Protein backbone atom coordinates (compact mmCIF):
# COMPACT_ATOMS: atom_id res chain seq x y z
CA MET A 1 -36.29 -28.90 -76.68
CA ILE A 2 -39.95 -28.57 -77.65
CA ARG A 3 -40.43 -32.32 -77.36
CA ALA A 4 -38.85 -32.31 -73.88
CA LEU A 5 -41.12 -29.46 -72.74
CA ARG A 6 -44.19 -31.28 -74.04
CA ALA A 7 -43.13 -34.47 -72.28
CA TYR A 8 -42.58 -32.58 -69.02
CA VAL A 9 -45.98 -30.90 -69.31
CA ALA A 10 -47.68 -34.22 -70.07
CA VAL A 11 -46.15 -35.99 -67.05
CA VAL A 12 -46.67 -33.19 -64.52
CA ASP A 13 -50.20 -32.45 -65.71
CA ARG A 14 -51.14 -36.12 -65.62
CA VAL A 15 -49.80 -36.57 -62.06
CA ASN A 16 -51.53 -33.45 -60.75
CA LEU A 17 -54.75 -34.26 -62.59
CA GLY A 18 -54.87 -37.72 -61.04
CA LEU A 19 -53.93 -36.55 -57.56
CA GLY A 20 -56.38 -33.67 -57.74
CA ARG A 21 -59.23 -35.97 -58.64
CA VAL A 22 -58.35 -38.23 -55.72
CA MET A 23 -58.11 -35.24 -53.37
CA MET A 24 -61.62 -34.16 -54.35
CA TRP A 25 -62.82 -37.00 -52.14
CA GLY A 26 -60.89 -35.53 -49.19
CA ILE A 27 -63.85 -33.32 -48.38
CA PHE A 28 -65.74 -36.46 -47.37
CA ALA A 29 -62.95 -37.45 -44.98
CA LEU A 30 -63.15 -33.99 -43.44
CA MET A 31 -66.92 -34.26 -43.18
CA GLY A 32 -66.56 -37.63 -41.46
CA VAL A 33 -64.15 -36.26 -38.86
CA LEU A 34 -66.39 -33.26 -38.18
CA LEU A 35 -69.48 -35.47 -37.99
CA TRP A 36 -67.73 -37.70 -35.46
CA SER A 37 -66.70 -34.62 -33.48
CA THR A 38 -70.28 -33.40 -33.36
CA ALA A 39 -71.69 -36.81 -32.45
CA SER A 40 -69.13 -37.42 -29.72
CA LYS A 41 -69.85 -34.03 -28.16
CA ALA A 42 -73.59 -34.72 -28.30
CA MET A 43 -73.02 -38.04 -26.50
CA GLY A 44 -71.12 -36.22 -23.77
CA THR A 45 -67.69 -37.72 -24.56
CA PRO A 46 -65.87 -35.24 -26.82
CA SER A 47 -62.88 -36.67 -28.65
CA LEU A 48 -59.47 -35.09 -28.17
CA TRP A 49 -58.27 -35.87 -31.67
CA THR A 50 -61.01 -34.45 -33.90
CA LEU A 51 -60.00 -30.78 -34.04
CA GLU A 52 -56.40 -31.43 -35.05
CA THR A 53 -57.36 -34.27 -37.36
CA ALA A 54 -59.79 -31.95 -39.14
CA GLN A 55 -57.04 -29.35 -39.45
CA PHE A 56 -54.61 -31.94 -40.84
CA VAL A 57 -57.15 -33.27 -43.33
CA MET A 58 -57.99 -29.74 -44.47
CA MET A 59 -54.29 -28.94 -44.88
CA GLY A 60 -53.77 -32.05 -47.00
CA TYR A 61 -56.87 -31.25 -49.04
CA PHE A 62 -55.67 -27.71 -49.63
CA MET A 63 -51.99 -28.41 -50.26
CA LEU A 64 -52.42 -31.45 -52.50
CA GLY A 65 -55.39 -29.94 -54.34
CA GLY A 66 -53.58 -26.67 -55.12
CA PRO A 67 -51.61 -27.95 -58.11
CA TYR A 68 -54.84 -29.34 -59.57
CA ALA A 69 -56.53 -25.94 -59.15
CA LEU A 70 -53.65 -24.30 -60.99
CA LEU A 71 -53.83 -26.93 -63.73
CA ILE A 72 -57.53 -26.44 -64.47
CA GLY A 73 -57.34 -22.66 -64.16
CA ALA A 74 -59.41 -22.41 -60.99
CA ASN A 75 -56.91 -20.02 -59.42
CA VAL A 76 -57.94 -16.41 -58.81
CA ARG A 77 -56.82 -13.83 -61.36
CA MET A 78 -57.37 -10.12 -61.57
CA ASP A 79 -59.41 -10.09 -64.78
CA LEU A 80 -59.82 -6.32 -64.87
CA PHE A 81 -57.02 -6.07 -67.41
CA TYR A 82 -56.01 -9.68 -68.01
CA GLY A 83 -59.39 -10.73 -69.40
CA GLU A 84 -59.14 -8.18 -72.23
CA LEU A 85 -55.68 -9.28 -73.38
CA SER A 86 -55.07 -11.34 -76.50
CA PRO A 87 -53.97 -14.96 -75.94
CA ARG A 88 -50.41 -14.02 -76.89
CA ARG A 89 -50.28 -11.14 -74.38
CA LYS A 90 -51.83 -13.38 -71.72
CA ALA A 91 -49.01 -15.86 -72.29
CA VAL A 92 -46.38 -13.11 -72.00
CA THR A 93 -48.04 -11.78 -68.83
CA ASP A 94 -48.15 -15.29 -67.37
CA CYS A 95 -44.46 -15.83 -68.19
CA VAL A 96 -43.61 -12.70 -66.19
CA THR A 97 -45.94 -13.26 -63.24
CA VAL A 98 -45.04 -16.93 -62.82
CA VAL A 99 -41.58 -15.79 -61.72
CA PHE A 100 -43.15 -14.24 -58.61
CA LEU A 101 -45.09 -17.44 -57.93
CA LEU A 102 -41.92 -19.52 -58.28
CA VAL A 103 -40.02 -17.25 -55.87
CA TYR A 104 -42.89 -17.43 -53.35
CA LEU A 105 -43.13 -21.22 -53.66
CA GLY A 106 -39.35 -21.53 -53.37
CA ILE A 107 -39.40 -19.61 -50.08
CA LEU A 108 -42.31 -21.73 -48.84
CA MET A 109 -40.45 -24.91 -49.80
CA TRP A 110 -37.29 -23.77 -48.04
CA GLY A 111 -39.22 -23.07 -44.82
CA GLY A 112 -41.22 -26.27 -45.15
CA VAL A 113 -38.14 -28.45 -45.61
CA GLU A 114 -36.39 -26.78 -42.67
CA SER A 115 -39.46 -27.34 -40.50
CA THR A 116 -39.78 -30.96 -41.62
CA ILE A 117 -36.11 -31.63 -40.88
CA TYR A 118 -36.61 -30.11 -37.43
CA ALA A 119 -39.63 -32.37 -36.83
CA PHE A 120 -37.54 -35.47 -37.61
CA GLN A 121 -34.29 -34.32 -36.01
CA TYR A 122 -35.46 -33.68 -32.49
CA GLY A 123 -37.02 -36.96 -31.51
CA GLY A 124 -40.26 -36.41 -33.33
CA GLU A 125 -41.80 -33.00 -32.87
CA ARG A 126 -45.28 -33.22 -31.40
CA SER A 127 -48.20 -30.86 -31.20
CA PRO A 128 -48.58 -29.09 -27.84
CA SER A 129 -52.23 -30.17 -27.58
CA ALA A 130 -53.69 -32.81 -25.26
CA TRP A 131 -53.70 -35.38 -28.08
CA ARG A 132 -50.04 -34.67 -29.00
CA PRO A 133 -49.83 -36.08 -32.54
CA TYR A 134 -46.53 -36.18 -34.39
CA MET A 135 -46.07 -33.21 -36.69
CA TRP A 136 -43.86 -34.80 -39.34
CA PRO A 137 -46.68 -36.40 -41.40
CA ILE A 138 -48.45 -33.11 -42.08
CA LYS A 139 -45.14 -31.36 -42.74
CA VAL A 140 -44.23 -34.01 -45.33
CA VAL A 141 -47.65 -33.52 -46.95
CA MET A 142 -47.07 -29.77 -46.93
CA CYS A 143 -43.68 -30.11 -48.65
CA THR A 144 -45.12 -32.57 -51.17
CA GLY A 145 -47.92 -30.15 -52.02
CA ILE A 146 -45.53 -27.23 -52.40
CA GLY A 147 -43.23 -29.36 -54.56
CA LEU A 148 -46.11 -30.38 -56.82
CA MET A 149 -47.23 -26.75 -57.03
CA LEU A 150 -43.70 -25.76 -58.09
CA LEU A 151 -43.74 -28.45 -60.78
CA GLN A 152 -47.18 -27.34 -61.95
CA ALA A 153 -46.14 -23.68 -62.09
CA LEU A 154 -43.18 -24.72 -64.25
CA SER A 155 -45.57 -26.74 -66.41
CA GLU A 156 -47.77 -23.67 -66.90
CA LEU A 157 -44.67 -21.67 -67.82
CA ALA A 158 -43.67 -24.37 -70.31
CA LYS A 159 -47.17 -24.23 -71.87
CA ASP A 160 -46.87 -20.47 -72.30
CA VAL A 161 -43.38 -20.77 -73.79
CA LEU A 162 -44.61 -23.47 -76.17
CA PHE A 163 -47.52 -21.26 -77.18
CA LEU A 164 -45.25 -18.28 -77.79
CA THR A 165 -42.77 -20.32 -79.82
CA THR A 166 -45.08 -22.62 -81.78
CA GLY A 167 -48.25 -20.53 -81.89
CA THR A 168 -50.49 -23.38 -80.78
CA PRO A 169 -51.88 -23.74 -77.26
CA ASP A 170 -50.56 -26.78 -75.42
CA ARG A 171 -53.19 -27.94 -72.95
CA THR A 172 -52.22 -31.55 -72.56
CA ALA A 173 -54.19 -32.79 -69.58
CA THR A 174 -57.24 -30.59 -69.55
CA GLU A 175 -58.87 -27.63 -71.20
CA GLY A 176 -60.48 -26.13 -68.13
CA PRO A 177 -62.73 -26.58 -65.09
CA ALA A 178 -65.60 -28.09 -67.08
CA ASP A 179 -63.46 -31.07 -68.08
CA ALA A 180 -62.57 -31.80 -64.47
CA LEU A 181 -66.10 -32.73 -63.48
């Protein structure tokens, strides 16, 4: 059982670490779209596609980078009480609170899958804007990001369970934000 948990943690952490490091470069794609938008407006021929493309790129950046943020511990915590806890109590607290995260992500995934199915089912749902892009690509990215976040939350739970059972911290992919840079 312990070996299976460690293998799961290693695979999920490795995938999210790699994807997160790739997604770091997404900010440059967003900057490029916004730069083009500014330049095209300055030339007097504003592009129809830049606003929605920027929104789609930002959504991908956010959704696919979320599991990486959870992995390296860049998520926001209320350290008023948590910061003073012992490592063992932190692990117990995390085991309890991750249940709420999993429920929330499960509801998000359910809604995301339903919305994605709708986008495919009805002849390709399109945005109501002048550009009218198909909505299914961003909905697939959204579901992928939520799925990876679910897997990462389970990986964090597995790390806490391993710590509570073996007494040694199991940080397979990374030790923290400093290692990510």
